[in-house]
Amino acid sequence: MSLTPSIPRPIERSLKGTPHLLEVLDCESPLRPLARRSLAGADEVVLGRGEAVTREGRTLRVGLPDRWMSVAHARLRREGESWRAEDLGSTNGTFVNGERTPRATLRSGDRLGIGRVELTVDLVN
């Protein structure tokens, strides 16, 4: 079975200008279909272990099926035109571009590692 179907595709022209969070790799389940989540209308994204994706007002909660992740592992928060990643006291830490960090301002294309899942952010405005 090829991993090719799980590689994120370029963002379609109609989605450009909208920030997105893209799953790049799930080391625990490399054949699991990966998702692209629009951050349009969200001011906060809470990432953690789980299966569901819910929206409560301007907060998007994204559950990822990863036993290495804390239930509430990390938060992305909009600050003006930028986004900031923050570890929520997880056991295994949050990594931005391979470096463990309690918090970091994100740029488009940055890699976010939580648990055994790698994500990337597309913040093109």
PDB file of N, CA and C in Angstrom:
ATOM      1  N   MET A   1       0.842  -1.174   0.000  1.00  0.00           N
ATOM      2  CA  MET A   1       0.000   0.000   0.000  1.00  0.00           C
ATOM      3  C   MET A   1       0.888   1.237   0.000  1.00  0.00           C
ATOM      4  N   SER A   2       0.566   2.182  -0.805  1.00  0.00           N
ATOM      5  CA  SER A   2       1.359   3.405  -0.943  1.00  0.00           C
ATOM      6  C   SER A   2       0.960   4.435   0.101  1.00  0.00           C
ATOM      7  N   LEU A   3       1.935   5.222   0.560  1.00  0.00           N
ATOM      8  CA  LEU A   3       1.648   6.321   1.478  1.00  0.00           C
ATOM      9  C   LEU A   3       1.214   7.571   0.728  1.00  0.00           C
ATOM     10  N   THR A   4       1.338   7.571  -0.575  1.00  0.00           N
ATOM     11  CA  THR A   4       1.047   8.752  -1.377  1.00  0.00           C
ATOM     12  C   THR A   4      -0.326   9.365  -1.106  1.00  0.00           C
ATOM     13  N   PRO A   5      -1.424   8.594  -0.947  1.00  0.00           N
ATOM     14  CA  PRO A   5      -2.718   9.236  -0.718  1.00  0.00           C
ATOM     15  C   PRO A   5      -2.764  10.053   0.573  1.00  0.00           C
ATOM     16  N   SER A   6      -1.875   9.784   1.518  1.00  0.00           N
ATOM     17  CA  SER A   6      -1.904  10.494   2.788  1.00  0.00           C
ATOM     18  C   SER A   6      -1.080  11.777   2.784  1.00  0.00           C
ATOM     19  N   ILE A   7      -0.346  12.040   1.721  1.00  0.00           N
ATOM     20  CA  ILE A   7       0.465  13.250   1.656  1.00  0.00           C
ATOM     21  C   ILE A   7      -0.454  14.425   1.355  1.00  0.00           C
ATOM     22  N   PRO A   8      -0.393  15.501   2.168  1.00  0.00           N
ATOM     23  CA  PRO A   8      -1.271  16.642   1.906  1.00  0.00           C
ATOM     24  C   PRO A   8      -1.046  17.215   0.512  1.00  0.00           C
ATOM     25  N   ARG A   9      -2.119  17.565  -0.125  1.00  0.00           N
ATOM     26  CA  ARG A   9      -2.064  18.167  -1.445  1.00  0.00           C
ATOM     27  C   ARG A   9      -1.887  19.679  -1.308  1.00  0.00           C
ATOM     28  N   PRO A  10      -1.414  20.357  -2.355  1.00  0.00           N
ATOM     29  CA  PRO A  10      -1.343  21.819  -2.301  1.00  0.00           C
ATOM     30  C   PRO A  10      -2.739  22.387  -2.060  1.00  0.00           C
ATOM     31  N   ILE A  11      -2.805  23.487  -1.340  1.00  0.00           N
ATOM     32  CA  ILE A  11      -4.099  24.093  -1.052  1.00  0.00           C
ATOM     33  C   ILE A  11      -4.691  24.645  -2.334  1.00  0.00           C
ATOM     34  N   GLU A  12      -5.968  24.311  -2.555  1.00  0.00           N
ATOM     35  CA  GLU A  12      -6.637  24.774  -3.754  1.00  0.00           C
ATOM     36  C   GLU A  12      -6.714  26.290  -3.760  1.00  0.00           C
ATOM     37  N   ARG A  13      -6.796  26.835  -4.946  1.00  0.00           N
ATOM     38  CA  ARG A  13      -6.821  28.288  -5.117  1.00  0.00           C
ATOM     39  C   ARG A  13      -7.923  28.927  -4.275  1.00  0.00           C
ATOM     40  N   SER A  14      -9.104  28.302  -4.163  1.00  0.00           N
ATOM     41  CA  SER A  14     -10.219  28.891  -3.419  1.00  0.00           C
ATOM     42  C   SER A  14      -9.941  28.948  -1.924  1.00  0.00           C
ATOM     43  N   LEU A  15      -8.968  28.169  -1.422  1.00  0.00           N
ATOM     44  CA  LEU A  15      -8.662  28.143   0.000  1.00  0.00           C
ATOM     45  C   LEU A  15      -7.497  29.044   0.367  1.00  0.00           C
ATOM     46  N   LYS A  16      -6.805  29.585  -0.634  1.00  0.00           N
ATOM     47  CA  LYS A  16      -5.666  30.452  -0.340  1.00  0.00           C
ATOM     48  C   LYS A  16      -6.148  31.679   0.407  1.00  0.00           C
ATOM     49  N   GLY A  17      -5.333  32.135   1.334  1.00  0.00           N
ATOM     50  CA  GLY A  17      -5.705  33.264   2.169  1.00  0.00           C
ATOM     51  C   GLY A  17      -6.383  32.834   3.454  1.00  0.00           C
ATOM     52  N   THR A  18      -6.744  31.563   3.554  1.00  0.00           N
ATOM     53  CA  THR A  18      -7.360  31.018   4.761  1.00  0.00           C
ATOM     54  C   THR A  18      -6.312  30.178   5.486  1.00  0.00           C
ATOM     55  N   PRO A  19      -6.057  30.447   6.772  1.00  0.00           N
ATOM     56  CA  PRO A  19      -5.074  29.635   7.480  1.00  0.00           C
ATOM     57  C   PRO A  19      -5.568  28.196   7.650  1.00  0.00           C
ATOM     58  N   HIS A  20      -4.636  27.255   7.574  1.00  0.00           N
ATOM     59  CA  HIS A  20      -4.945  25.832   7.700  1.00  0.00           C
ATOM     60  C   HIS A  20      -3.915  25.136   8.576  1.00  0.00           C
ATOM     61  N   LEU A  21      -4.341  24.063   9.192  1.00  0.00           N
ATOM     62  CA  LEU A  21      -3.472  23.160   9.935  1.00  0.00           C
ATOM     63  C   LEU A  21      -3.531  21.829   9.196  1.00  0.00           C
ATOM     64  N   LEU A  22      -2.376  21.327   8.765  1.00  0.00           N
ATOM     65  CA  LEU A  22      -2.332  20.105   7.964  1.00  0.00           C
ATOM     66  C   LEU A  22      -1.588  19.012   8.708  1.00  0.00           C
ATOM     67  N   GLU A  23      -2.198  17.845   8.824  1.00  0.00           N
ATOM     68  CA  GLU A  23      -1.498  16.690   9.361  1.00  0.00           C
ATOM     69  C   GLU A  23      -0.529  16.213   8.285  1.00  0.00           C
ATOM     70  N   VAL A  24       0.715  15.968   8.668  1.00  0.00           N
ATOM     71  CA  VAL A  24       1.731  15.544   7.716  1.00  0.00           C
ATOM     72  C   VAL A  24       2.089  14.082   7.906  1.00  0.00           C
ATOM     73  N   LEU A  25       2.201  13.649   9.166  1.00  0.00           N
ATOM     74  CA  LEU A  25       2.615  12.277   9.441  1.00  0.00           C
ATOM     75  C   LEU A  25       2.093  11.844  10.800  1.00  0.00           C
ATOM     76  N   ASP A  26       1.574  10.621  10.854  1.00  0.00           N
ATOM     77  CA  ASP A  26       1.185   9.993  12.110  1.00  0.00           C
ATOM     78  C   ASP A  26       2.056   8.758  12.254  1.00  0.00           C
ATOM     79  N   CYS A  27       3.089   8.846  13.086  1.00  0.00           N
ATOM     80  CA  CYS A  27       4.052   7.749  13.229  1.00  0.00           C
ATOM     81  C   CYS A  27       3.423   6.485  13.804  1.00  0.00           C
ATOM     82  N   GLU A  28       2.387   6.630  14.607  1.00  0.00           N
ATOM     83  CA  GLU A  28       1.701   5.471  15.183  1.00  0.00           C
ATOM     84  C   GLU A  28       0.861   4.753  14.129  1.00  0.00           C
ATOM     85  N   SER A  29       0.265   5.505  13.215  1.00  0.00           N
ATOM     86  CA  SER A  29      -0.616   4.951  12.181  1.00  0.00           C
ATOM     87  C   SER A  29      -0.303   5.603  10.844  1.00  0.00           C
ATOM     88  N   PRO A  30       0.822   5.215  10.222  1.00  0.00           N
ATOM     89  CA  PRO A  30       1.241   5.906   8.995  1.00  0.00           C
ATOM     90  C   PRO A  30       0.276   5.771   7.818  1.00  0.00           C
ATOM     91  N   LEU A  31      -0.644   4.827   7.875  1.00  0.00           N
ATOM     92  CA  LEU A  31      -1.594   4.665   6.772  1.00  0.00           C
ATOM     93  C   LEU A  31      -2.937   5.339   7.050  1.00  0.00           C
ATOM     94  N   ARG A  32      -3.081   5.958   8.222  1.00  0.00           N
ATOM     95  CA  ARG A  32      -4.320   6.657   8.553  1.00  0.00           C
ATOM     96  C   ARG A  32      -4.477   7.860   7.620  1.00  0.00           C
ATOM     97  N   PRO A  33      -5.675   8.060   7.075  1.00  0.00           N
ATOM     98  CA  PRO A  33      -5.890   9.251   6.245  1.00  0.00           C
ATOM     99  C   PRO A  33      -5.631  10.514   7.066  1.00  0.00           C
ATOM    100  N   LEU A  34      -4.880  11.421   6.504  1.00  0.00           N
ATOM    101  CA  LEU A  34      -4.522  12.648   7.203  1.00  0.00           C
ATOM    102  C   LEU A  34      -5.486  13.761   6.816  1.00  0.00           C
ATOM    103  N   ALA A  35      -5.621  14.747   7.696  1.00  0.00           N
ATOM    104  CA  ALA A  35      -6.632  15.779   7.491  1.00  0.00           C
ATOM    105  C   ALA A  35      -6.018  17.160   7.341  1.00  0.00           C
ATOM    106  N   ARG A  36      -6.787  18.030   6.718  1.00  0.00           N
ATOM    107  CA  ARG A  36      -6.461  19.448   6.631  1.00  0.00           C
ATOM    108  C   ARG A  36      -7.617  20.170   7.311  1.00  0.00           C
ATOM    109  N   ARG A  37      -7.305  20.993   8.304  1.00  0.00           N
ATOM    110  CA  ARG A  37      -8.326  21.710   9.069  1.00  0.00           C
ATOM    111  C   ARG A  37      -8.230  23.207   8.791  1.00  0.00           C
ATOM    112  N   SER A  38      -9.315  23.783   8.370  1.00  0.00           N
ATOM    113  CA  SER A  38      -9.364  25.220   8.166  1.00  0.00           C
ATOM    114  C   SER A  38      -9.414  25.906   9.527  1.00  0.00           C
ATOM    115  N   LEU A  39      -8.659  26.982   9.671  1.00  0.00           N
ATOM    116  CA  LEU A  39      -8.678  27.770  10.900  1.00  0.00           C
ATOM    117  C   LEU A  39      -9.526  29.031  10.738  1.00  0.00           C
ATOM    118  N   ALA A  40     -10.265  29.108   9.631  1.00  0.00           N
ATOM    119  CA  ALA A  40     -11.132  30.262   9.381  1.00  0.00           C
ATOM    120  C   ALA A  40     -12.155  30.377  10.506  1.00  0.00           C
ATOM    121  N   GLY A  41     -12.281  31.568  11.046  1.00  0.00           N
ATOM    122  CA  GLY A  41     -13.265  31.817  12.098  1.00  0.00           C
ATOM    123  C   GLY A  41     -12.825  31.374  13.477  1.00  0.00           C
ATOM    124  N   ALA A  42     -11.639  30.781  13.595  1.00  0.00           N
ATOM    125  CA  ALA A  42     -11.147  30.319  14.904  1.00  0.00           C
ATOM    126  C   ALA A  42     -10.101  31.288  15.433  1.00  0.00           C
ATOM    127  N   ASP A  43     -10.144  31.509  16.719  1.00  0.00           N
ATOM    128  CA  ASP A  43      -9.116  32.287  17.401  1.00  0.00           C
ATOM    129  C   ASP A  43      -8.236  31.385  18.257  1.00  0.00           C
ATOM    130  N   GLU A  44      -8.685  30.152  18.459  1.00  0.00           N
ATOM    131  CA  GLU A  44      -7.953  29.205  19.297  1.00  0.00           C
ATOM    132  C   GLU A  44      -8.188  27.790  18.775  1.00  0.00           C
ATOM    133  N   VAL A  45      -7.124  26.973  18.814  1.00  0.00           N
ATOM    134  CA  VAL A  45      -7.213  25.567  18.442  1.00  0.00           C
ATOM    135  C   VAL A  45      -6.583  24.775  19.576  1.00  0.00           C
ATOM    136  N   VAL A  46      -7.351  23.850  20.158  1.00  0.00           N
ATOM    137  CA  VAL A  46      -6.828  22.987  21.214  1.00  0.00           C
ATOM    138  C   VAL A  46      -6.607  21.611  20.595  1.00  0.00           C
ATOM    139  N   LEU A  47      -5.361  21.126  20.681  1.00  0.00           N
ATOM    140  CA  LEU A  47      -4.977  19.840  20.108  1.00  0.00           C
ATOM    141  C   LEU A  47      -4.743  18.843  21.234  1.00  0.00           C
ATOM    142  N   GLY A  48      -5.257  17.626  21.065  1.00  0.00           N
ATOM    143  CA  GLY A  48      -5.047  16.605  22.088  1.00  0.00           C
ATOM    144  C   GLY A  48      -5.502  15.238  21.639  1.00  0.00           C
ATOM    145  N   ARG A  49      -5.309  14.260  22.529  1.00  0.00           N
ATOM    146  CA  ARG A  49      -5.699  12.881  22.227  1.00  0.00           C
ATOM    147  C   ARG A  49      -7.218  12.777  22.165  1.00  0.00           C
ATOM    148  N   GLY A  50      -7.699  12.107  21.142  1.00  0.00           N
ATOM    149  CA  GLY A  50      -9.132  11.916  20.964  1.00  0.00           C
ATOM    150  C   GLY A  50      -9.450  11.589  19.523  1.00  0.00           C
ATOM    151  N   GLU A  51     -10.721  11.551  19.221  1.00  0.00           N
ATOM    152  CA  GLU A  51     -11.174  11.214  17.869  1.00  0.00           C
ATOM    153  C   GLU A  51     -11.991  12.335  17.231  1.00  0.00           C
ATOM    154  N   ALA A  52     -12.603  13.183  18.042  1.00  0.00           N
ATOM    155  CA  ALA A  52     -13.564  14.154  17.525  1.00  0.00           C
ATOM    156  C   ALA A  52     -12.924  15.500  17.206  1.00  0.00           C
ATOM    157  N   VAL A  53     -13.554  16.195  16.280  1.00  0.00           N
ATOM    158  CA  VAL A  53     -13.226  17.585  15.981  1.00  0.00           C
ATOM    159  C   VAL A  53     -14.503  18.370  16.237  1.00  0.00           C
ATOM    160  N   THR A  54     -14.414  19.340  17.153  1.00  0.00           N
ATOM    161  CA  THR A  54     -15.596  20.135  17.493  1.00  0.00           C
ATOM    162  C   THR A  54     -15.240  21.613  17.465  1.00  0.00           C
ATOM    163  N   ARG A  55     -16.263  22.422  17.306  1.00  0.00           N
ATOM    164  CA  ARG A  55     -16.090  23.877  17.338  1.00  0.00           C
ATOM    165  C   ARG A  55     -17.037  24.411  18.396  1.00  0.00           C
ATOM    166  N   GLU A  56     -16.479  25.181  19.323  1.00  0.00           N
ATOM    167  CA  GLU A  56     -17.266  25.840  20.364  1.00  0.00           C
ATOM    168  C   GLU A  56     -16.989  27.333  20.241  1.00  0.00           C
ATOM    169  N   GLY A  57     -17.898  28.050  19.619  1.00  0.00           N
ATOM    170  CA  GLY A  57     -17.662  29.474  19.375  1.00  0.00           C
ATOM    171  C   GLY A  57     -16.470  29.651  18.452  1.00  0.00           C
ATOM    172  N   ARG A  58     -15.439  30.341  18.926  1.00  0.00           N
ATOM    173  CA  ARG A  58     -14.249  30.585  18.116  1.00  0.00           C
ATOM    174  C   ARG A  58     -13.106  29.639  18.492  1.00  0.00           C
ATOM    175  N   THR A  59     -13.434  28.561  19.234  1.00  0.00           N
ATOM    176  CA  THR A  59     -12.434  27.555  19.622  1.00  0.00           C
ATOM    177  C   THR A  59     -12.682  26.263  18.849  1.00  0.00           C
ATOM    178  N   LEU A  60     -11.645  25.792  18.194  1.00  0.00           N
ATOM    179  CA  LEU A  60     -11.679  24.529  17.469  1.00  0.00           C
ATOM    180  C   LEU A  60     -10.925  23.503  18.309  1.00  0.00           C
ATOM    181  N   ARG A  61     -11.558  22.386  18.619  1.00  0.00           N
ATOM    182  CA  ARG A  61     -10.908  21.309  19.370  1.00  0.00           C
ATOM    183  C   ARG A  61     -10.665  20.149  18.407  1.00  0.00           C
ATOM    184  N   VAL A  62      -9.387  19.792  18.250  1.00  0.00           N
ATOM    185  CA  VAL A  62      -9.005  18.745  17.307  1.00  0.00           C
ATOM    186  C   VAL A  62      -8.453  17.569  18.098  1.00  0.00           C
ATOM    187  N   GLY A  63      -9.168  16.445  18.054  1.00  0.00           N
ATOM    188  CA  GLY A  63      -8.716  15.216  18.681  1.00  0.00           C
ATOM    189  C   GLY A  63      -7.951  14.372  17.676  1.00  0.00           C
ATOM    190  N   LEU A  64      -6.800  13.862  18.094  1.00  0.00           N
ATOM    191  CA  LEU A  64      -5.976  13.017  17.237  1.00  0.00           C
ATOM    192  C   LEU A  64      -5.769  11.680  17.944  1.00  0.00           C
ATOM    193  N   PRO A  65      -5.930  10.567  17.246  1.00  0.00           N
ATOM    194  CA  PRO A  65      -5.830   9.247  17.868  1.00  0.00           C
ATOM    195  C   PRO A  65      -4.371   8.841  18.117  1.00  0.00           C
ATOM    196  N   ASP A  66      -3.776   9.398  19.158  1.00  0.00           N
ATOM    197  CA  ASP A  66      -2.365   9.157  19.441  1.00  0.00           C
ATOM    198  C   ASP A  66      -2.184   8.976  20.942  1.00  0.00           C
ATOM    199  N   ARG A  67      -1.766   7.800  21.363  1.00  0.00           N
ATOM    200  CA  ARG A  67      -1.623   7.522  22.794  1.00  0.00           C
ATOM    201  C   ARG A  67      -0.451   8.264  23.416  1.00  0.00           C
ATOM    202  N   TRP A  68       0.435   8.852  22.613  1.00  0.00           N
ATOM    203  CA  TRP A  68       1.569   9.619  23.124  1.00  0.00           C
ATOM    204  C   TRP A  68       1.184  11.069  23.428  1.00  0.00           C
ATOM    205  N   MET A  69      -0.031  11.426  23.118  1.00  0.00           N
ATOM    206  CA  MET A  69      -0.511  12.783  23.293  1.00  0.00           C
ATOM    207  C   MET A  69      -1.308  12.899  24.579  1.00  0.00           C
ATOM    208  N   SER A  70      -1.221  14.042  25.226  1.00  0.00           N
ATOM    209  CA  SER A  70      -2.085  14.321  26.372  1.00  0.00           C
ATOM    210  C   SER A  70      -3.478  14.661  25.859  1.00  0.00           C
ATOM    211  N   VAL A  71      -4.480  14.525  26.724  1.00  0.00           N
ATOM    212  CA  VAL A  71      -5.851  14.837  26.320  1.00  0.00           C
ATOM    213  C   VAL A  71      -5.938  16.292  25.859  1.00  0.00           C
ATOM    214  N   ALA A  72      -5.334  17.204  26.595  1.00  0.00           N
ATOM    215  CA  ALA A  72      -5.193  18.604  26.156  1.00  0.00           C
ATOM    216  C   ALA A  72      -3.696  18.845  26.063  1.00  0.00           C
ATOM    217  N   HIS A  73      -3.131  18.712  24.882  1.00  0.00           N
ATOM    218  CA  HIS A  73      -1.682  18.692  24.695  1.00  0.00           C
ATOM    219  C   HIS A  73      -1.109  20.075  24.370  1.00  0.00           C
ATOM    220  N   ALA A  74      -1.710  20.750  23.405  1.00  0.00           N
ATOM    221  CA  ALA A  74      -1.180  22.041  22.957  1.00  0.00           C
ATOM    222  C   ALA A  74      -2.314  22.944  22.496  1.00  0.00           C
ATOM    223  N   ARG A  75      -2.016  24.221  22.463  1.00  0.00           N
ATOM    224  CA  ARG A  75      -2.995  25.211  22.017  1.00  0.00           C
ATOM    225  C   ARG A  75      -2.339  26.119  20.987  1.00  0.00           C
ATOM    226  N   LEU A  76      -3.090  26.429  19.947  1.00  0.00           N
ATOM    227  CA  LEU A  76      -2.702  27.453  18.991  1.00  0.00           C
ATOM    228  C   LEU A  76      -3.650  28.615  19.220  1.00  0.00           C
ATOM    229  N   ARG A  77      -3.092  29.810  19.326  1.00  0.00           N
ATOM    230  CA  ARG A  77      -3.929  30.980  19.600  1.00  0.00           C
ATOM    231  C   ARG A  77      -3.576  32.092  18.626  1.00  0.00           C
ATOM    232  N   ARG A  78      -4.624  32.669  18.040  1.00  0.00           N
ATOM    233  CA  ARG A  78      -4.423  33.798  17.128  1.00  0.00           C
ATOM    234  C   ARG A  78      -4.078  35.032  17.950  1.00  0.00           C
ATOM    235  N   GLU A  79      -3.017  35.712  17.522  1.00  0.00           N
ATOM    236  CA  GLU A  79      -2.608  36.974  18.143  1.00  0.00           C
ATOM    237  C   GLU A  79      -2.445  37.991  17.027  1.00  0.00           C
ATOM    238  N   GLY A  80      -3.498  38.748  16.771  1.00  0.00           N
ATOM    239  CA  GLY A  80      -3.494  39.685  15.651  1.00  0.00           C
ATOM    240  C   GLY A  80      -3.466  38.917  14.343  1.00  0.00           C
ATOM    241  N   GLU A  81      -2.432  39.142  13.538  1.00  0.00           N
ATOM    242  CA  GLU A  81      -2.281  38.445  12.262  1.00  0.00           C
ATOM    243  C   GLU A  81      -1.455  37.170  12.384  1.00  0.00           C
ATOM    244  N   SER A  82      -0.904  36.901  13.561  1.00  0.00           N
ATOM    245  CA  SER A  82      -0.051  35.712  13.720  1.00  0.00           C
ATOM    246  C   SER A  82      -0.721  34.688  14.637  1.00  0.00           C
ATOM    247  N   TRP A  83      -0.108  33.521  14.711  1.00  0.00           N
ATOM    248  CA  TRP A  83      -0.564  32.434  15.582  1.00  0.00           C
ATOM    249  C   TRP A  83       0.575  32.046  16.511  1.00  0.00           C
ATOM    250  N   ARG A  84       0.217  31.656  17.732  1.00  0.00           N
ATOM    251  CA  ARG A  84       1.201  31.254  18.732  1.00  0.00           C
ATOM    252  C   ARG A  84       0.859  29.848  19.216  1.00  0.00           C
ATOM    253  N   ALA A  85       1.866  28.986  19.276  1.00  0.00           N
ATOM    254  CA  ALA A  85       1.706  27.628  19.804  1.00  0.00           C
ATOM    255  C   ALA A  85       2.134  27.622  21.258  1.00  0.00           C
ATOM    256  N   GLU A  86       1.416  26.865  22.079  1.00  0.00           N
ATOM    257  CA  GLU A  86       1.724  26.785  23.505  1.00  0.00           C
ATOM    258  C   GLU A  86       1.488  25.357  23.985  1.00  0.00           C
ATOM    259  N   ASP A  87       2.472  24.800  24.672  1.00  0.00           N
ATOM    260  CA  ASP A  87       2.315  23.489  25.292  1.00  0.00           C
ATOM    261  C   ASP A  87       1.434  23.662  26.522  1.00  0.00           C
ATOM    262  N   LEU A  88       0.519  22.732  26.769  1.00  0.00           N
ATOM    263  CA  LEU A  88      -0.405  22.831  27.894  1.00  0.00           C
ATOM    264  C   LEU A  88       0.025  21.950  29.062  1.00  0.00           C
ATOM    265  N   GLY A  89       1.347  21.787  29.248  1.00  0.00           N
ATOM    266  CA  GLY A  89       1.850  20.968  30.349  1.00  0.00           C
ATOM    267  C   GLY A  89       1.856  19.482  30.016  1.00  0.00           C
ATOM    268  N   SER A  90       1.980  19.162  28.739  1.00  0.00           N
ATOM    269  CA  SER A  90       1.967  17.770  28.306  1.00  0.00           C
ATOM    270  C   SER A  90       3.192  17.019  28.834  1.00  0.00           C
ATOM    271  N   THR A  91       3.070  15.720  28.927  1.00  0.00           N
ATOM    272  CA  THR A  91       4.175  14.883  29.391  1.00  0.00           C
ATOM    273  C   THR A  91       5.300  14.819  28.363  1.00  0.00           C
ATOM    274  N   ASN A  92       4.957  14.658  27.094  1.00  0.00           N
ATOM    275  CA  ASN A  92       5.959  14.457  26.043  1.00  0.00           C
ATOM    276  C   ASN A  92       6.373  15.724  25.309  1.00  0.00           C
ATOM    277  N   GLY A  93       5.804  16.858  25.651  1.00  0.00           N
ATOM    278  CA  GLY A  93       6.238  18.127  25.083  1.00  0.00           C
ATOM    279  C   GLY A  93       5.643  18.452  23.727  1.00  0.00           C
ATOM    280  N   THR A  94       5.854  19.700  23.333  1.00  0.00           N
ATOM    281  CA  THR A  94       5.440  20.223  22.040  1.00  0.00           C
ATOM    282  C   THR A  94       6.687  20.725  21.336  1.00  0.00           C
ATOM    283  N   PHE A  95       6.807  20.396  20.057  1.00  0.00           N
ATOM    284  CA  PHE A  95       7.998  20.723  19.276  1.00  0.00           C
ATOM    285  C   PHE A  95       7.610  21.614  18.105  1.00  0.00           C
ATOM    286  N   VAL A  96       8.385  22.662  17.887  1.00  0.00           N
ATOM    287  CA  VAL A  96       8.218  23.513  16.713  1.00  0.00           C
ATOM    288  C   VAL A  96       9.517  23.431  15.929  1.00  0.00           C
ATOM    289  N   ASN A  97       9.419  22.944  14.707  1.00  0.00           N
ATOM    290  CA  ASN A  97      10.582  22.744  13.827  1.00  0.00           C
ATOM    291  C   ASN A  97      11.668  21.918  14.515  1.00  0.00           C
ATOM    292  N   GLY A  98      11.239  20.884  15.243  1.00  0.00           N
ATOM    293  CA  GLY A  98      12.167  19.941  15.857  1.00  0.00           C
ATOM    294  C   GLY A  98      12.688  20.332  17.227  1.00  0.00           C
ATOM    295  N   GLU A  99      12.371  21.532  17.698  1.00  0.00           N
ATOM    296  CA  GLU A  99      12.846  21.977  19.002  1.00  0.00           C
ATOM    297  C   GLU A  99      11.710  21.997  20.011  1.00  0.00           C
ATOM    298  N   ARG A 100      11.955  21.341  21.169  1.00  0.00           N
ATOM    299  CA  ARG A 100      10.950  21.355  22.225  1.00  0.00           C
ATOM    300  C   ARG A 100      10.827  22.779  22.759  1.00  0.00           C
ATOM    301  N   THR A 101       9.583  23.245  22.887  1.00  0.00           N
ATOM    302  CA  THR A 101       9.366  24.615  23.318  1.00  0.00           C
ATOM    303  C   THR A 101       8.053  24.725  24.082  1.00  0.00           C
ATOM    304  N   PRO A 102       8.016  25.528  25.133  1.00  0.00           N
ATOM    305  CA  PRO A 102       6.754  25.745  25.838  1.00  0.00           C
ATOM    306  C   PRO A 102       5.809  26.654  25.051  1.00  0.00           C
ATOM    307  N   ARG A 103       6.389  27.570  24.228  1.00  0.00           N
ATOM    308  CA  ARG A 103       5.571  28.450  23.392  1.00  0.00           C
ATOM    309  C   ARG A 103       6.425  29.039  22.283  1.00  0.00           C
ATOM    310  N   ALA A 104       5.774  29.303  21.166  1.00  0.00           N
ATOM    311  CA  ALA A 104       6.496  29.857  20.016  1.00  0.00           C
ATOM    312  C   ALA A 104       5.501  30.526  19.078  1.00  0.00           C
ATOM    313  N   THR A 105       5.936  31.604  18.450  1.00  0.00           N
ATOM    314  CA  THR A 105       5.152  32.234  17.394  1.00  0.00           C
ATOM    315  C   THR A 105       5.379  31.432  16.121  1.00  0.00           C
ATOM    316  N   LEU A 106       4.298  31.107  15.432  1.00  0.00           N
ATOM    317  CA  LEU A 106       4.368  30.260  14.244  1.00  0.00           C
ATOM    318  C   LEU A 106       4.447  31.094  12.974  1.00  0.00           C
ATOM    319  N   ARG A 107       5.185  30.559  12.003  1.00  0.00           N
ATOM    320  CA  ARG A 107       5.222  31.117  10.651  1.00  0.00           C
ATOM    321  C   ARG A 107       4.669  30.057   9.708  1.00  0.00           C
ATOM    322  N   SER A 108       4.178  30.497   8.583  1.00  0.00           N
ATOM    323  CA  SER A 108       3.659  29.567   7.601  1.00  0.00           C
ATOM    324  C   SER A 108       4.738  28.558   7.230  1.00  0.00           C
ATOM    325  N   GLY A 109       4.393  27.283   7.246  1.00  0.00           N
ATOM    326  CA  GLY A 109       5.328  26.223   6.911  1.00  0.00           C
ATOM    327  C   GLY A 109       6.012  25.606   8.115  1.00  0.00           C
ATOM    328  N   ASP A 110       5.863  26.197   9.297  1.00  0.00           N
ATOM    329  CA  ASP A 110       6.465  25.605  10.494  1.00  0.00           C
ATOM    330  C   ASP A 110       5.879  24.229  10.757  1.00  0.00           C
ATOM    331  N   ARG A 111       6.732  23.338  11.286  1.00  0.00           N
ATOM    332  CA  ARG A 111       6.305  21.993  11.664  1.00  0.00           C
ATOM    333  C   ARG A 111       6.004  21.971  13.156  1.00  0.00           C
ATOM    334  N   LEU A 112       4.891  21.371  13.515  1.00  0.00           N
ATOM    335  CA  LEU A 112       4.459  21.254  14.897  1.00  0.00           C
ATOM    336  C   LEU A 112       4.410  19.774  15.238  1.00  0.00           C
ATOM    337  N   GLY A 113       5.190  19.359  16.225  1.00  0.00           N
ATOM    338  CA  GLY A 113       5.208  17.965  16.655  1.00  0.00           C
ATOM    339  C   GLY A 113       4.546  17.815  18.001  1.00  0.00           C
ATOM    340  N   ILE A 114       3.481  17.025  18.045  1.00  0.00           N
ATOM    341  CA  ILE A 114       2.814  16.723  19.311  1.00  0.00           C
ATOM    342  C   ILE A 114       2.570  15.224  19.337  1.00  0.00           C
ATOM    343  N   GLY A 115       2.974  14.593  20.444  1.00  0.00           N
ATOM    344  CA  GLY A 115       2.894  13.140  20.485  1.00  0.00           C
ATOM    345  C   GLY A 115       3.723  12.566  19.354  1.00  0.00           C
ATOM    346  N   ARG A 116       3.135  11.674  18.592  1.00  0.00           N
ATOM    347  CA  ARG A 116       3.824  11.081  17.442  1.00  0.00           C
ATOM    348  C   ARG A 116       3.237  11.575  16.124  1.00  0.00           C
ATOM    349  N   VAL A 117       2.600  12.753  16.167  1.00  0.00           N
ATOM    350  CA  VAL A 117       1.978  13.350  14.998  1.00  0.00           C
ATOM    351  C   VAL A 117       2.733  14.617  14.620  1.00  0.00           C
ATOM    352  N   GLU A 118       2.997  14.760  13.324  1.00  0.00           N
ATOM    353  CA  GLU A 118       3.615  15.979  12.784  1.00  0.00           C
ATOM    354  C   GLU A 118       2.534  16.731  12.006  1.00  0.00           C
ATOM    355  N   LEU A 119       2.452  18.027  12.281  1.00  0.00           N
ATOM    356  CA  LEU A 119       1.531  18.897  11.563  1.00  0.00           C
ATOM    357  C   LEU A 119       2.332  20.048  10.976  1.00  0.00           C
ATOM    358  N   THR A 120       1.750  20.718  10.018  1.00  0.00           N
ATOM    359  CA  THR A 120       2.355  21.944   9.504  1.00  0.00           C
ATOM    360  C   THR A 120       1.267  22.985   9.436  1.00  0.00           C
ATOM    361  N   VAL A 121       1.666  24.224   9.537  1.00  0.00           N
ATOM    362  CA  VAL A 121       0.685  25.310   9.488  1.00  0.00           C
ATOM    363  C   VAL A 121       0.854  26.084   8.187  1.00  0.00           C
ATOM    364  N   ASP A 122      -0.269  26.388   7.558  1.00  0.00           N
ATOM    365  CA  ASP A 122      -0.271  27.218   6.361  1.00  0.00           C
ATOM    366  C   ASP A 122      -1.010  28.487   6.754  1.00  0.00           C
ATOM    367  N   LEU A 123      -0.255  29.537   7.007  1.00  0.00           N
ATOM    368  CA  LEU A 123      -0.829  30.789   7.512  1.00  0.00           C
ATOM    369  C   LEU A 123      -0.814  31.882   6.467  1.00  0.00           C
ATOM    370  N   VAL A 124      -0.755  31.499   5.194  1.00  0.00           N
ATOM    371  CA  VAL A 124      -0.679  32.480   4.106  1.00  0.00           C
ATOM    372  C   VAL A 124      -1.905  33.382   4.170  1.00  0.00           C
ATOM    373  N   ASN A 125      -1.651  34.663   4.204  1.00  0.00           N
ATOM    374  CA  ASN A 125      -2.759  35.643   4.259  1.00  0.00           C
ATOM    375  C   ASN A 125      -2.987  36.256   2.906  1.00  0.00           C
TER     376      ASN A 125
END
